[in-house]
Amino acid sequence: MTLDELEQIVATRANAGAQESWTAKLLAKGPEKCAEKFGEEAIEAVIEAVKGDRDRLTSEAADVLFHLLVMLKSRDVALADVMTELDRRQGRSGLQEKASRA
């Protein structure tokens, strides 16, 4: 599965009823709740990374990617826009990129 395919799944589920779709139910609670859920999943991934549990980290990383796309959907940010930003950053070192934000 690609991130583009996952984004399509999120979009399809967003259009389902809240009674039949976790994604629709989460989106109905608003962007703040979507961001909160993404943060929870990110923290769980960090914990598993620190613990060194590869299988649990893999599972939590999948949750992070899914909920990142849900959060983006809640604010109408397309994955293509994120990828365009990553493309823009190519050719500069991470240190240069960080310095340009200051």
PDB file of N, CA and C in Angstrom:
ATOM      1  N   MET A   1       0.840  -1.176   0.000  1.00  0.00           N
ATOM      2  CA  MET A   1       0.000   0.000   0.000  1.00  0.00           C
ATOM      3  C   MET A   1       0.887   1.242   0.000  1.00  0.00           C
ATOM      4  N   THR A   2       0.444   2.250  -0.732  1.00  0.00           N
ATOM      5  CA  THR A   2       1.160   3.524  -0.761  1.00  0.00           C
ATOM      6  C   THR A   2       0.442   4.535   0.125  1.00  0.00           C
ATOM      7  N   LEU A   3       1.113   5.633   0.416  1.00  0.00           N
ATOM      8  CA  LEU A   3       0.460   6.702   1.182  1.00  0.00           C
ATOM      9  C   LEU A   3      -0.688   7.316   0.378  1.00  0.00           C
ATOM     10  N   ASP A   4      -0.540   7.368  -0.940  1.00  0.00           N
ATOM     11  CA  ASP A   4      -1.629   7.871  -1.774  1.00  0.00           C
ATOM     12  C   ASP A   4      -2.869   6.985  -1.638  1.00  0.00           C
ATOM     13  N   GLU A   5      -2.660   5.675  -1.640  1.00  0.00           N
ATOM     14  CA  GLU A   5      -3.783   4.755  -1.460  1.00  0.00           C
ATOM     15  C   GLU A   5      -4.408   4.912  -0.079  1.00  0.00           C
ATOM     16  N   LEU A   6      -3.577   5.085   0.934  1.00  0.00           N
ATOM     17  CA  LEU A   6      -4.088   5.283   2.284  1.00  0.00           C
ATOM     18  C   LEU A   6      -4.879   6.580   2.377  1.00  0.00           C
ATOM     19  N   GLU A   7      -4.403   7.615   1.703  1.00  0.00           N
ATOM     20  CA  GLU A   7      -5.138   8.882   1.689  1.00  0.00           C
ATOM     21  C   GLU A   7      -6.517   8.674   1.053  1.00  0.00           C
ATOM     22  N   GLN A   8      -6.603   7.865   0.017  1.00  0.00           N
ATOM     23  CA  GLN A   8      -7.892   7.564  -0.622  1.00  0.00           C
ATOM     24  C   GLN A   8      -8.816   6.817   0.321  1.00  0.00           C
ATOM     25  N   ILE A   9      -8.264   5.884   1.085  1.00  0.00           N
ATOM     26  CA  ILE A   9      -9.060   5.150   2.071  1.00  0.00           C
ATOM     27  C   ILE A   9      -9.626   6.112   3.106  1.00  0.00           C
ATOM     28  N   VAL A  10      -8.786   7.026   3.584  1.00  0.00           N
ATOM     29  CA  VAL A  10      -9.242   8.025   4.561  1.00  0.00           C
ATOM     30  C   VAL A  10     -10.369   8.861   3.955  1.00  0.00           C
ATOM     31  N   ALA A  11     -10.211   9.294   2.704  1.00  0.00           N
ATOM     32  CA  ALA A  11     -11.235  10.107   2.048  1.00  0.00           C
ATOM     33  C   ALA A  11     -12.546   9.333   1.902  1.00  0.00           C
ATOM     34  N   THR A  12     -12.459   8.071   1.532  1.00  0.00           N
ATOM     35  CA  THR A  12     -13.658   7.244   1.395  1.00  0.00           C
ATOM     36  C   THR A  12     -14.353   7.068   2.733  1.00  0.00           C
ATOM     37  N   ARG A  13     -13.577   6.764   3.754  1.00  0.00           N
ATOM     38  CA  ARG A  13     -14.164   6.571   5.086  1.00  0.00           C
ATOM     39  C   ARG A  13     -14.716   7.871   5.653  1.00  0.00           C
ATOM     40  N   ALA A  14     -14.118   8.988   5.286  1.00  0.00           N
ATOM     41  CA  ALA A  14     -14.601  10.288   5.764  1.00  0.00           C
ATOM     42  C   ALA A  14     -16.018  10.558   5.281  1.00  0.00           C
ATOM     43  N   ASN A  15     -16.361  10.005   4.127  1.00  0.00           N
ATOM     44  CA  ASN A  15     -17.685  10.228   3.546  1.00  0.00           C
ATOM     45  C   ASN A  15     -18.725   9.227   4.035  1.00  0.00           C
ATOM     46  N   ALA A  16     -18.303   8.258   4.820  1.00  0.00           N
ATOM     47  CA  ALA A  16     -19.239   7.286   5.381  1.00  0.00           C
ATOM     48  C   ALA A  16     -19.908   7.904   6.613  1.00  0.00           C
ATOM     49  N   GLY A  17     -20.914   7.231   7.111  1.00  0.00           N
ATOM     50  CA  GLY A  17     -21.578   7.713   8.318  1.00  0.00           C
ATOM     51  C   GLY A  17     -20.735   7.445   9.548  1.00  0.00           C
ATOM     52  N   ALA A  18     -20.877   8.301  10.546  1.00  0.00           N
ATOM     53  CA  ALA A  18     -20.122   8.152  11.794  1.00  0.00           C
ATOM     54  C   ALA A  18     -20.453   6.838  12.504  1.00  0.00           C
ATOM     55  N   GLN A  19     -21.624   6.281  12.229  1.00  0.00           N
ATOM     56  CA  GLN A  19     -22.003   5.006  12.847  1.00  0.00           C
ATOM     57  C   GLN A  19     -21.233   3.834  12.250  1.00  0.00           C
ATOM     58  N   GLU A  20     -20.742   3.996  11.018  1.00  0.00           N
ATOM     59  CA  GLU A  20     -20.081   2.887  10.342  1.00  0.00           C
ATOM     60  C   GLU A  20     -18.579   3.096  10.123  1.00  0.00           C
ATOM     61  N   SER A  21     -18.073   4.271  10.447  1.00  0.00           N
ATOM     62  CA  SER A  21     -16.665   4.566  10.174  1.00  0.00           C
ATOM     63  C   SER A  21     -16.016   5.312  11.338  1.00  0.00           C
ATOM     64  N   TRP A  22     -14.947   4.720  11.877  1.00  0.00           N
ATOM     65  CA  TRP A  22     -14.157   5.374  12.922  1.00  0.00           C
ATOM     66  C   TRP A  22     -13.597   6.691  12.407  1.00  0.00           C
ATOM     67  N   THR A  23     -13.146   6.693  11.166  1.00  0.00           N
ATOM     68  CA  THR A  23     -12.567   7.893  10.571  1.00  0.00           C
ATOM     69  C   THR A  23     -13.607   9.013  10.504  1.00  0.00           C
ATOM     70  N   ALA A  24     -14.805   8.693  10.033  1.00  0.00           N
ATOM     71  CA  ALA A  24     -15.869   9.698   9.954  1.00  0.00           C
ATOM     72  C   ALA A  24     -16.227  10.215  11.342  1.00  0.00           C
ATOM     73  N   LYS A  25     -16.278   9.307  12.301  1.00  0.00           N
ATOM     74  CA  LYS A  25     -16.603   9.690  13.684  1.00  0.00           C
ATOM     75  C   LYS A  25     -15.537  10.639  14.246  1.00  0.00           C
ATOM     76  N   LEU A  26     -14.275  10.319  13.994  1.00  0.00           N
ATOM     77  CA  LEU A  26     -13.176  11.162  14.467  1.00  0.00           C
ATOM     78  C   LEU A  26     -13.210  12.523  13.785  1.00  0.00           C
ATOM     79  N   LEU A  27     -13.389  12.539  12.481  1.00  0.00           N
ATOM     80  CA  LEU A  27     -13.441  13.802  11.747  1.00  0.00           C
ATOM     81  C   LEU A  27     -14.614  14.667  12.203  1.00  0.00           C
ATOM     82  N   ALA A  28     -15.722  14.045  12.562  1.00  0.00           N
ATOM     83  CA  ALA A  28     -16.893  14.795  13.030  1.00  0.00           C
ATOM     84  C   ALA A  28     -16.608  15.522  14.341  1.00  0.00           C
ATOM     85  N   LYS A  29     -15.623  15.052  15.090  1.00  0.00           N
ATOM     86  CA  LYS A  29     -15.267  15.698  16.357  1.00  0.00           C
ATOM     87  C   LYS A  29     -14.381  16.923  16.150  1.00  0.00           C
ATOM     88  N   GLY A  30     -13.917  17.122  14.926  1.00  0.00           N
ATOM     89  CA  GLY A  30     -13.163  18.326  14.600  1.00  0.00           C
ATOM     90  C   GLY A  30     -11.659  18.132  14.533  1.00  0.00           C
ATOM     91  N   PRO A  31     -10.996  19.119  13.942  1.00  0.00           N
ATOM     92  CA  PRO A  31      -9.545  19.048  13.761  1.00  0.00           C
ATOM     93  C   PRO A  31      -8.758  18.913  15.057  1.00  0.00           C
ATOM     94  N   GLU A  32      -9.241  19.536  16.118  1.00  0.00           N
ATOM     95  CA  GLU A  32      -8.515  19.463  17.394  1.00  0.00           C
ATOM     96  C   GLU A  32      -8.455  18.026  17.896  1.00  0.00           C
ATOM     97  N   LYS A  33      -9.576  17.305  17.796  1.00  0.00           N
ATOM     98  CA  LYS A  33      -9.618  15.906  18.241  1.00  0.00           C
ATOM     99  C   LYS A  33      -8.744  15.038  17.336  1.00  0.00           C
ATOM    100  N   CYS A  34      -8.750  15.328  16.047  1.00  0.00           N
ATOM    101  CA  CYS A  34      -7.899  14.589  15.114  1.00  0.00           C
ATOM    102  C   CYS A  34      -6.424  14.803  15.454  1.00  0.00           C
ATOM    103  N   ALA A  35      -6.069  16.025  15.789  1.00  0.00           N
ATOM    104  CA  ALA A  35      -4.695  16.335  16.168  1.00  0.00           C
ATOM    105  C   ALA A  35      -4.321  15.641  17.472  1.00  0.00           C
ATOM    106  N   GLU A  36      -5.250  15.629  18.404  1.00  0.00           N
ATOM    107  CA  GLU A  36      -5.010  14.954  19.687  1.00  0.00           C
ATOM    108  C   GLU A  36      -4.751  13.462  19.469  1.00  0.00           C
ATOM    109  N   LYS A  37      -5.566  12.838  18.627  1.00  0.00           N
ATOM    110  CA  LYS A  37      -5.406  11.406  18.356  1.00  0.00           C
ATOM    111  C   LYS A  37      -4.077  11.133  17.667  1.00  0.00           C
ATOM    112  N   PHE A  38      -3.697  11.990  16.726  1.00  0.00           N
ATOM    113  CA  PHE A  38      -2.393  11.853  16.074  1.00  0.00           C
ATOM    114  C   PHE A  38      -1.283  11.938  17.112  1.00  0.00           C
ATOM    115  N   GLY A  39      -1.384  12.893  18.014  1.00  0.00           N
ATOM    116  CA  GLY A  39      -0.373  13.042  19.059  1.00  0.00           C
ATOM    117  C   GLY A  39      -0.279  11.820  19.946  1.00  0.00           C
ATOM    118  N   GLU A  40      -1.412  11.250  20.309  1.00  0.00           N
ATOM    119  CA  GLU A  40      -1.416  10.031  21.127  1.00  0.00           C
ATOM    120  C   GLU A  40      -0.689   8.899  20.413  1.00  0.00           C
ATOM    121  N   GLU A  41      -0.987   8.750  19.135  1.00  0.00           N
ATOM    122  CA  GLU A  41      -0.359   7.671  18.363  1.00  0.00           C
ATOM    123  C   GLU A  41       1.141   7.914  18.215  1.00  0.00           C
ATOM    124  N   ALA A  42       1.533   9.173  18.036  1.00  0.00           N
ATOM    125  CA  ALA A  42       2.951   9.502  17.908  1.00  0.00           C
ATOM    126  C   ALA A  42       3.693   9.178  19.199  1.00  0.00           C
ATOM    127  N   ILE A  43       3.087   9.499  20.332  1.00  0.00           N
ATOM    128  CA  ILE A  43       3.705   9.195  21.628  1.00  0.00           C
ATOM    129  C   ILE A  43       3.843   7.683  21.811  1.00  0.00           C
ATOM    130  N   GLU A  44       2.805   6.939  21.427  1.00  0.00           N
ATOM    131  CA  GLU A  44       2.878   5.485  21.543  1.00  0.00           C
ATOM    132  C   GLU A  44       4.001   4.925  20.669  1.00  0.00           C
ATOM    133  N   ALA A  45       4.200   5.495  19.483  1.00  0.00           N
ATOM    134  CA  ALA A  45       5.290   5.053  18.606  1.00  0.00           C
ATOM    135  C   ALA A  45       6.650   5.354  19.243  1.00  0.00           C
ATOM    136  N   VAL A  46       6.775   6.521  19.843  1.00  0.00           N
ATOM    137  CA  VAL A  46       8.026   6.885  20.514  1.00  0.00           C
ATOM    138  C   VAL A  46       8.328   5.905  21.648  1.00  0.00           C
ATOM    139  N   ILE A  47       7.329   5.575  22.418  1.00  0.00           N
ATOM    140  CA  ILE A  47       7.512   4.637  23.536  1.00  0.00           C
ATOM    141  C   ILE A  47       8.011   3.294  23.021  1.00  0.00           C
ATOM    142  N   GLU A  48       7.401   2.796  21.952  1.00  0.00           N
ATOM    143  CA  GLU A  48       7.821   1.501  21.410  1.00  0.00           C
ATOM    144  C   GLU A  48       9.214   1.575  20.808  1.00  0.00           C
ATOM    145  N   ALA A  49       9.578   2.716  20.228  1.00  0.00           N
ATOM    146  CA  ALA A  49      10.928   2.885  19.693  1.00  0.00           C
ATOM    147  C   ALA A  49      11.956   2.836  20.809  1.00  0.00           C
ATOM    148  N   VAL A  50      11.650   3.482  21.919  1.00  0.00           N
ATOM    149  CA  VAL A  50      12.559   3.493  23.067  1.00  0.00           C
ATOM    150  C   VAL A  50      12.678   2.102  23.674  1.00  0.00           C
ATOM    151  N   LYS A  51      11.545   1.403  23.746  1.00  0.00           N
ATOM    152  CA  LYS A  51      11.547   0.057  24.311  1.00  0.00           C
ATOM    153  C   LYS A  51      12.250  -0.946  23.401  1.00  0.00           C
ATOM    154  N   GLY A  52      12.302  -0.651  22.115  1.00  0.00           N
ATOM    155  CA  GLY A  52      12.973  -1.542  21.172  1.00  0.00           C
ATOM    156  C   GLY A  52      12.112  -2.694  20.677  1.00  0.00           C
ATOM    157  N   ASP A  53      10.794  -2.573  20.850  1.00  0.00           N
ATOM    158  CA  ASP A  53       9.875  -3.618  20.390  1.00  0.00           C
ATOM    159  C   ASP A  53       9.539  -3.352  18.925  1.00  0.00           C
ATOM    160  N   ARG A  54      10.226  -4.052  18.050  1.00  0.00           N
ATOM    161  CA  ARG A  54      10.109  -3.818  16.604  1.00  0.00           C
ATOM    162  C   ARG A  54       8.679  -4.031  16.108  1.00  0.00           C
ATOM    163  N   ASP A  55       8.042  -5.099  16.513  1.00  0.00           N
ATOM    164  CA  ASP A  55       6.688  -5.397  16.050  1.00  0.00           C
ATOM    165  C   ASP A  55       5.693  -4.341  16.521  1.00  0.00           C
ATOM    166  N   ARG A  56       5.792  -3.941  17.789  1.00  0.00           N
ATOM    167  CA  ARG A  56       4.885  -2.921  18.309  1.00  0.00           C
ATOM    168  C   ARG A  56       5.164  -1.559  17.656  1.00  0.00           C
ATOM    169  N   LEU A  57       6.443  -1.263  17.416  1.00  0.00           N
ATOM    170  CA  LEU A  57       6.780  -0.014  16.735  1.00  0.00           C
ATOM    171  C   LEU A  57       6.186  -0.009  15.330  1.00  0.00           C
ATOM    172  N   THR A  58       6.276  -1.124  14.643  1.00  0.00           N
ATOM    173  CA  THR A  58       5.700  -1.218  13.300  1.00  0.00           C
ATOM    174  C   THR A  58       4.204  -0.941  13.347  1.00  0.00           C
ATOM    175  N   SER A  59       3.525  -1.535  14.307  1.00  0.00           N
ATOM    176  CA  SER A  59       2.079  -1.332  14.454  1.00  0.00           C
ATOM    177  C   SER A  59       1.750   0.120  14.782  1.00  0.00           C
ATOM    178  N   GLU A  60       2.488   0.689  15.713  1.00  0.00           N
ATOM    179  CA  GLU A  60       2.231   2.083  16.102  1.00  0.00           C
ATOM    180  C   GLU A  60       2.582   3.046  14.969  1.00  0.00           C
ATOM    181  N   ALA A  61       3.620   2.741  14.205  1.00  0.00           N
ATOM    182  CA  ALA A  61       3.984   3.594  13.069  1.00  0.00           C
ATOM    183  C   ALA A  61       2.858   3.604  12.033  1.00  0.00           C
ATOM    184  N   ALA A  62       2.213   2.452  11.832  1.00  0.00           N
ATOM    185  CA  ALA A  62       1.062   2.396  10.924  1.00  0.00           C
ATOM    186  C   ALA A  62      -0.052   3.298  11.442  1.00  0.00           C
ATOM    187  N   ASP A  63      -0.293   3.266  12.749  1.00  0.00           N
ATOM    188  CA  ASP A  63      -1.307   4.142  13.351  1.00  0.00           C
ATOM    189  C   ASP A  63      -0.944   5.610  13.156  1.00  0.00           C
ATOM    190  N   VAL A  64       0.338   5.934  13.305  1.00  0.00           N
ATOM    191  CA  VAL A  64       0.801   7.316  13.133  1.00  0.00           C
ATOM    192  C   VAL A  64       0.522   7.794  11.707  1.00  0.00           C
ATOM    193  N   LEU A  65       0.876   6.979  10.726  1.00  0.00           N
ATOM    194  CA  LEU A  65       0.660   7.385   9.341  1.00  0.00           C
ATOM    195  C   LEU A  65      -0.824   7.568   9.041  1.00  0.00           C
ATOM    196  N   PHE A  66      -1.634   6.629   9.512  1.00  0.00           N
ATOM    197  CA  PHE A  66      -3.074   6.731   9.288  1.00  0.00           C
ATOM    198  C   PHE A  66      -3.631   7.996   9.920  1.00  0.00           C
ATOM    199  N   HIS A  67      -3.308   8.229  11.175  1.00  0.00           N
ATOM    200  CA  HIS A  67      -3.873   9.382  11.871  1.00  0.00           C
ATOM    201  C   HIS A  67      -3.275  10.703  11.402  1.00  0.00           C
ATOM    202  N   LEU A  68      -2.067  10.682  10.857  1.00  0.00           N
ATOM    203  CA  LEU A  68      -1.528  11.886  10.220  1.00  0.00           C
ATOM    204  C   LEU A  68      -2.408  12.261   9.030  1.00  0.00           C
ATOM    205  N   LEU A  69      -2.774  11.279   8.225  1.00  0.00           N
ATOM    206  CA  LEU A  69      -3.610  11.557   7.066  1.00  0.00           C
ATOM    207  C   LEU A  69      -5.009  12.009   7.479  1.00  0.00           C
ATOM    208  N   VAL A  70      -5.533  11.455   8.558  1.00  0.00           N
ATOM    209  CA  VAL A  70      -6.830  11.913   9.073  1.00  0.00           C
ATOM    210  C   VAL A  70      -6.714  13.369   9.534  1.00  0.00           C
ATOM    211  N   MET A  71      -5.650  13.689  10.255  1.00  0.00           N
ATOM    212  CA  MET A  71      -5.456  15.059  10.717  1.00  0.00           C
ATOM    213  C   MET A  71      -5.333  16.018   9.531  1.00  0.00           C
ATOM    214  N   LEU A  72      -4.562  15.636   8.521  1.00  0.00           N
ATOM    215  CA  LEU A  72      -4.437  16.475   7.333  1.00  0.00           C
ATOM    216  C   LEU A  72      -5.799  16.673   6.670  1.00  0.00           C
ATOM    217  N   LYS A  73      -6.569  15.594   6.560  1.00  0.00           N
ATOM    218  CA  LYS A  73      -7.908  15.666   5.967  1.00  0.00           C
ATOM    219  C   LYS A  73      -8.786  16.638   6.754  1.00  0.00           C
ATOM    220  N   SER A  74      -8.651  16.629   8.071  1.00  0.00           N
ATOM    221  CA  SER A  74      -9.484  17.507   8.901  1.00  0.00           C
ATOM    222  C   SER A  74      -9.224  18.986   8.625  1.00  0.00           C
ATOM    223  N   ARG A  75      -8.077  19.294   8.082  1.00  0.00           N
ATOM    224  CA  ARG A  75      -7.718  20.684   7.746  1.00  0.00           C
ATOM    225  C   ARG A  75      -7.593  20.895   6.240  1.00  0.00           C
ATOM    226  N   ASP A  76      -8.091  19.925   5.461  1.00  0.00           N
ATOM    227  CA  ASP A  76      -8.068  20.022   3.990  1.00  0.00           C
ATOM    228  C   ASP A  76      -6.664  20.233   3.428  1.00  0.00           C
ATOM    229  N   VAL A  77      -5.698  19.540   4.013  1.00  0.00           N
ATOM    230  CA  VAL A  77      -4.327  19.561   3.494  1.00  0.00           C
ATOM    231  C   VAL A  77      -4.106  18.244   2.753  1.00  0.00           C
ATOM    232  N   ALA A  78      -3.831  18.338   1.478  1.00  0.00           N
ATOM    233  CA  ALA A  78      -3.627  17.141   0.664  1.00  0.00           C
ATOM    234  C   ALA A  78      -2.224  16.584   0.876  1.00  0.00           C
ATOM    235  N   LEU A  79      -2.124  15.282   0.821  1.00  0.00           N
ATOM    236  CA  LEU A  79      -0.816  14.630   0.900  1.00  0.00           C
ATOM    237  C   LEU A  79       0.107  15.172  -0.195  1.00  0.00           C
ATOM    238  N   ALA A  80      -0.441  15.460  -1.369  1.00  0.00           N
ATOM    239  CA  ALA A  80       0.366  16.007  -2.467  1.00  0.00           C
ATOM    240  C   ALA A  80       1.033  17.321  -2.056  1.00  0.00           C
ATOM    241  N   ASP A  81       0.352  18.114  -1.248  1.00  0.00           N
ATOM    242  CA  ASP A  81       0.937  19.376  -0.778  1.00  0.00           C
ATOM    243  C   ASP A  81       2.120  19.112   0.151  1.00  0.00           C
ATOM    244  N   VAL A  82       1.990  18.108   0.986  1.00  0.00           N
ATOM    245  CA  VAL A  82       3.090  17.741   1.885  1.00  0.00           C
ATOM    246  C   VAL A  82       4.271  17.233   1.065  1.00  0.00           C
ATOM    247  N   MET A  83       3.980  16.421   0.067  1.00  0.00           N
ATOM    248  CA  MET A  83       5.045  15.877  -0.770  1.00  0.00           C
ATOM    249  C   MET A  83       5.733  16.986  -1.570  1.00  0.00           C
ATOM    250  N   THR A  84       4.961  17.969  -2.004  1.00  0.00           N
ATOM    251  CA  THR A  84       5.538  19.123  -2.711  1.00  0.00           C
ATOM    252  C   THR A  84       6.491  19.871  -1.798  1.00  0.00           C
ATOM    253  N   GLU A  85       6.111  20.021  -0.534  1.00  0.00           N
ATOM    254  CA  GLU A  85       6.994  20.692   0.432  1.00  0.00           C
ATOM    255  C   GLU A  85       8.276  19.895   0.634  1.00  0.00           C
ATOM    256  N   LEU A  86       8.153  18.568   0.707  1.00  0.00           N
ATOM    257  CA  LEU A  86       9.358  17.736   0.840  1.00  0.00           C
ATOM    258  C   LEU A  86      10.244  17.865  -0.399  1.00  0.00           C
ATOM    259  N   ASP A  87       9.634  17.901  -1.577  1.00  0.00           N
ATOM    260  CA  ASP A  87      10.404  18.096  -2.815  1.00  0.00           C
ATOM    261  C   ASP A  87      11.139  19.426  -2.788  1.00  0.00           C
ATOM    262  N   ARG A  88      10.454  20.474  -2.310  1.00  0.00           N
ATOM    263  CA  ARG A  88      11.064  21.803  -2.242  1.00  0.00           C
ATOM    264  C   ARG A  88      12.317  21.795  -1.377  1.00  0.00           C
ATOM    265  N   ARG A  89      12.289  20.966  -0.343  1.00  0.00           N
ATOM    266  CA  ARG A  89      13.410  20.919   0.593  1.00  0.00           C
ATOM    267  C   ARG A  89      14.600  20.117   0.080  1.00  0.00           C
ATOM    268  N   GLN A  90      14.404  19.336  -0.962  1.00  0.00           N
ATOM    269  CA  GLN A  90      15.500  18.541  -1.499  1.00  0.00           C
ATOM    270  C   GLN A  90      16.610  19.459  -2.000  1.00  0.00           C
ATOM    271  N   GLY A  91      17.825  19.001  -1.880  1.00  0.00           N
ATOM    272  CA  GLY A  91      18.951  19.796  -2.337  1.00  0.00           C
ATOM    273  C   GLY A  91      19.528  20.685  -1.256  1.00  0.00           C
ATOM    274  N   ARG A  92      18.847  20.762  -0.113  1.00  0.00           N
ATOM    275  CA  ARG A  92      19.372  21.514   1.021  1.00  0.00           C
ATOM    276  C   ARG A  92      19.567  20.540   2.159  1.00  0.00           C
ATOM    277  N   SER A  93      20.600  20.761   2.902  1.00  0.00           N
ATOM    278  CA  SER A  93      20.820  19.896   4.063  1.00  0.00           C
ATOM    279  C   SER A  93      19.776  20.208   5.132  1.00  0.00           C
ATOM    280  N   GLY A  94      19.572  19.281   6.023  1.00  0.00           N
ATOM    281  CA  GLY A  94      18.652  19.512   7.136  1.00  0.00           C
ATOM    282  C   GLY A  94      19.062  20.717   7.957  1.00  0.00           C
ATOM    283  N   LEU A  95      20.372  20.925   8.086  1.00  0.00           N
ATOM    284  CA  LEU A  95      20.861  22.074   8.849  1.00  0.00           C
ATOM    285  C   LEU A  95      20.513  23.386   8.149  1.00  0.00           C
ATOM    286  N   GLN A  96      20.641  23.397   6.815  1.00  0.00           N
ATOM    287  CA  GLN A  96      20.266  24.599   6.069  1.00  0.00           C
ATOM    288  C   GLN A  96      18.765  24.855   6.183  1.00  0.00           C
ATOM    289  N   GLU A  97      17.980  23.797   6.067  1.00  0.00           N
ATOM    290  CA  GLU A  97      16.521  23.939   6.155  1.00  0.00           C
ATOM    291  C   GLU A  97      16.124  24.499   7.511  1.00  0.00           C
ATOM    292  N   LYS A  98      16.693  23.960   8.568  1.00  0.00           N
ATOM    293  CA  LYS A  98      16.368  24.421   9.910  1.00  0.00           C
ATOM    294  C   LYS A  98      16.765  25.884  10.102  1.00  0.00           C
ATOM    295  N   ALA A  99      17.935  26.264   9.596  1.00  0.00           N
ATOM    296  CA  ALA A  99      18.419  27.635   9.720  1.00  0.00           C
ATOM    297  C   ALA A  99      17.507  28.615   8.974  1.00  0.00           C
ATOM    298  N   SER A 100      16.908  28.169   7.866  1.00  0.00           N
ATOM    299  CA  SER A 100      16.061  29.068   7.075  1.00  0.00           C
ATOM    300  C   SER A 100      14.735  29.369   7.784  1.00  0.00           C
ATOM    301  N   ARG A 101      14.376  28.560   8.771  1.00  0.00           N
ATOM    302  CA  ARG A 101      13.118  28.773   9.498  1.00  0.00           C
ATOM    303  C   ARG A 101      13.275  29.755  10.652  1.00  0.00           C
ATOM    304  N   ALA A 102      14.485  30.060  11.032  1.00  0.00           N
ATOM    305  CA  ALA A 102      14.711  30.908  12.210  1.00  0.00           C
ATOM    306  C   ALA A 102      14.401  32.359  11.971  1.00  0.00           C
TER     307      ALA A 102
END
